[in-house]
Amino acid sequence: MAERRKTKRRYLLYYGRVYDQTAQKLLGYLVDITERGFMLLSEEPMPVGRIRELKLEVTTDIAKGPYINFTAKSLWCEPDLDPSRYNIGFEIVKIEQEDIQIIREIIAAYGFRDN
């Protein structure tokens, strides 16, 4: 697959939990993030092209609320090195401007390496 990303992903020291807002179910853990997308580590594969309403758990040193909410589309899903897990790439398709700032703060506080 050709690399189409316009911004570098930042791997994180903090694996925030990502939930499906509708099902109120834990989907997986944030591995890396940009203002436009992220990679999730999950125990279950996800269909590509699906749009979901998600929420990311944030720490109190980053934001006042326990979550930021956004809409994201799954772009790819592939097995992780651990065969019981999957890496899933998402594009953020709808997010509030103040939540983009929270993503920037997550990257500044917990990002450790560009990819």
Protein backbone atom coordinates (compact mmCIF):
# COMPACT_ATOMS: atom_id res chain seq x y z
CA MET A 1 0.00 0.00 0.00
CA ALA A 2 1.44 3.37 -0.99
CA GLU A 3 1.99 5.85 1.83
CA ARG A 4 -0.57 8.68 1.52
CA ARG A 5 -0.14 10.25 4.94
CA LYS A 6 0.59 13.98 4.83
CA THR A 7 1.62 14.31 8.48
CA LYS A 8 3.94 12.10 10.51
CA ARG A 9 2.38 9.82 13.07
CA ARG A 10 3.60 10.15 16.63
CA TYR A 11 3.99 6.97 18.65
CA LEU A 12 2.76 7.44 22.19
CA LEU A 13 3.97 6.48 25.64
CA TYR A 14 0.31 6.53 26.69
CA TYR A 15 -2.07 3.94 25.25
CA GLY A 16 -5.41 5.71 25.67
CA ARG A 17 -8.53 3.57 25.52
CA VAL A 18 -10.81 4.12 22.53
CA TYR A 19 -14.51 3.27 22.81
CA ASP A 20 -17.37 2.94 20.37
CA GLN A 21 -19.86 5.59 21.57
CA THR A 22 -22.93 3.74 20.29
CA ALA A 23 -22.13 0.28 21.64
CA GLN A 24 -20.33 1.66 24.75
CA LYS A 25 -17.64 -0.94 24.05
CA LEU A 26 -13.87 -0.78 24.34
CA LEU A 27 -12.46 -1.13 20.81
CA GLY A 28 -8.78 -0.97 21.64
CA TYR A 29 -5.80 1.14 22.58
CA LEU A 30 -4.30 4.16 20.85
CA VAL A 31 -0.82 3.44 19.48
CA ASP A 32 -0.10 6.57 17.47
CA ILE A 33 -1.95 9.71 16.48
CA THR A 34 -2.00 12.85 14.33
CA GLU A 35 -4.64 15.54 14.04
CA ARG A 36 -6.05 13.64 11.05
CA GLY A 37 -5.89 10.01 12.11
CA PHE A 38 -4.62 7.32 14.43
CA MET A 39 -3.75 3.66 14.79
CA LEU A 40 -5.55 1.41 17.20
CA LEU A 41 -4.41 -1.90 18.70
CA SER A 42 -7.44 -4.17 19.07
CA GLU A 43 -8.28 -7.75 19.98
CA GLU A 44 -10.83 -7.89 17.13
CA PRO A 45 -10.51 -7.09 13.43
CA MET A 46 -12.69 -4.30 12.05
CA PRO A 47 -14.23 -3.90 8.63
CA VAL A 48 -12.51 -1.35 6.39
CA GLY A 49 -14.56 1.67 5.33
CA ARG A 50 -16.83 1.73 8.37
CA ILE A 51 -17.57 5.10 9.96
CA ARG A 52 -17.89 5.05 13.75
CA GLU A 53 -18.64 7.48 16.54
CA LEU A 54 -15.72 7.10 18.94
CA LYS A 55 -14.46 8.49 22.20
CA LEU A 56 -10.88 8.60 23.45
CA GLU A 57 -10.17 8.50 27.15
CA VAL A 58 -7.91 11.40 28.19
CA THR A 59 -6.00 12.07 31.38
CA THR A 60 -6.71 15.00 33.70
CA ASP A 61 -3.33 16.57 32.95
CA ILE A 62 -4.46 16.94 29.30
CA ALA A 63 -8.16 17.84 29.52
CA LYS A 64 -10.93 18.46 32.04
CA GLY A 65 -13.38 15.93 30.64
CA PRO A 66 -12.70 12.20 30.69
CA TYR A 67 -13.14 11.82 26.89
CA ILE A 68 -12.95 13.55 23.55
CA ASN A 69 -15.54 12.54 20.98
CA PHE A 70 -15.07 12.30 17.23
CA THR A 71 -16.13 10.43 14.10
CA ALA A 72 -13.57 8.23 12.35
CA LYS A 73 -13.43 5.95 9.32
CA SER A 74 -11.45 2.70 9.36
CA LEU A 75 -8.98 2.69 6.46
CA TRP A 76 -7.10 -0.56 6.98
CA CYS A 77 -6.87 -3.54 9.33
CA GLU A 78 -3.99 -6.00 9.55
CA PRO A 79 -2.72 -8.57 12.06
CA ASP A 80 -0.25 -7.35 14.67
CA LEU A 81 3.01 -9.17 15.45
CA ASP A 82 1.01 -10.72 18.29
CA PRO A 83 -1.43 -12.95 16.34
CA SER A 84 -4.21 -12.33 18.87
CA ARG A 85 -4.26 -8.57 18.08
CA TYR A 86 -4.93 -6.30 15.11
CA ASN A 87 -3.61 -2.89 14.04
CA ILE A 88 -6.34 -0.69 12.60
CA GLY A 89 -5.78 2.65 10.86
CA PHE A 90 -8.43 5.36 11.14
CA GLU A 91 -8.98 8.73 9.51
CA ILE A 92 -10.68 11.32 11.71
CA VAL A 93 -13.57 12.68 9.64
CA LYS A 94 -15.31 14.91 12.19
CA ILE A 95 -13.95 16.48 15.38
CA GLU A 96 -14.46 19.70 17.31
CA GLN A 97 -11.69 22.29 17.09
CA GLU A 98 -11.08 22.21 20.86
CA ASP A 99 -10.58 18.44 20.66
CA ILE A 100 -7.93 18.91 17.95
CA GLN A 101 -6.08 21.05 20.48
CA ILE A 102 -6.36 18.20 23.02
CA ILE A 103 -4.82 15.83 20.43
CA ARG A 104 -1.94 18.28 20.02
CA GLU A 105 -1.48 18.27 23.80
CA ILE A 106 -1.51 14.45 23.88
CA ILE A 107 1.20 14.41 21.20
CA ALA A 108 3.28 17.00 23.07
CA ALA A 109 2.96 15.21 26.41
CA TYR A 110 3.13 11.56 25.35
CA GLY A 111 4.61 11.42 21.87
CA PHE A 112 8.09 9.95 21.70
CA ARG A 113 8.94 9.21 18.08
CA ASP A 114 7.84 10.07 14.57
CA ASN A 115 6.91 7.34 12.13
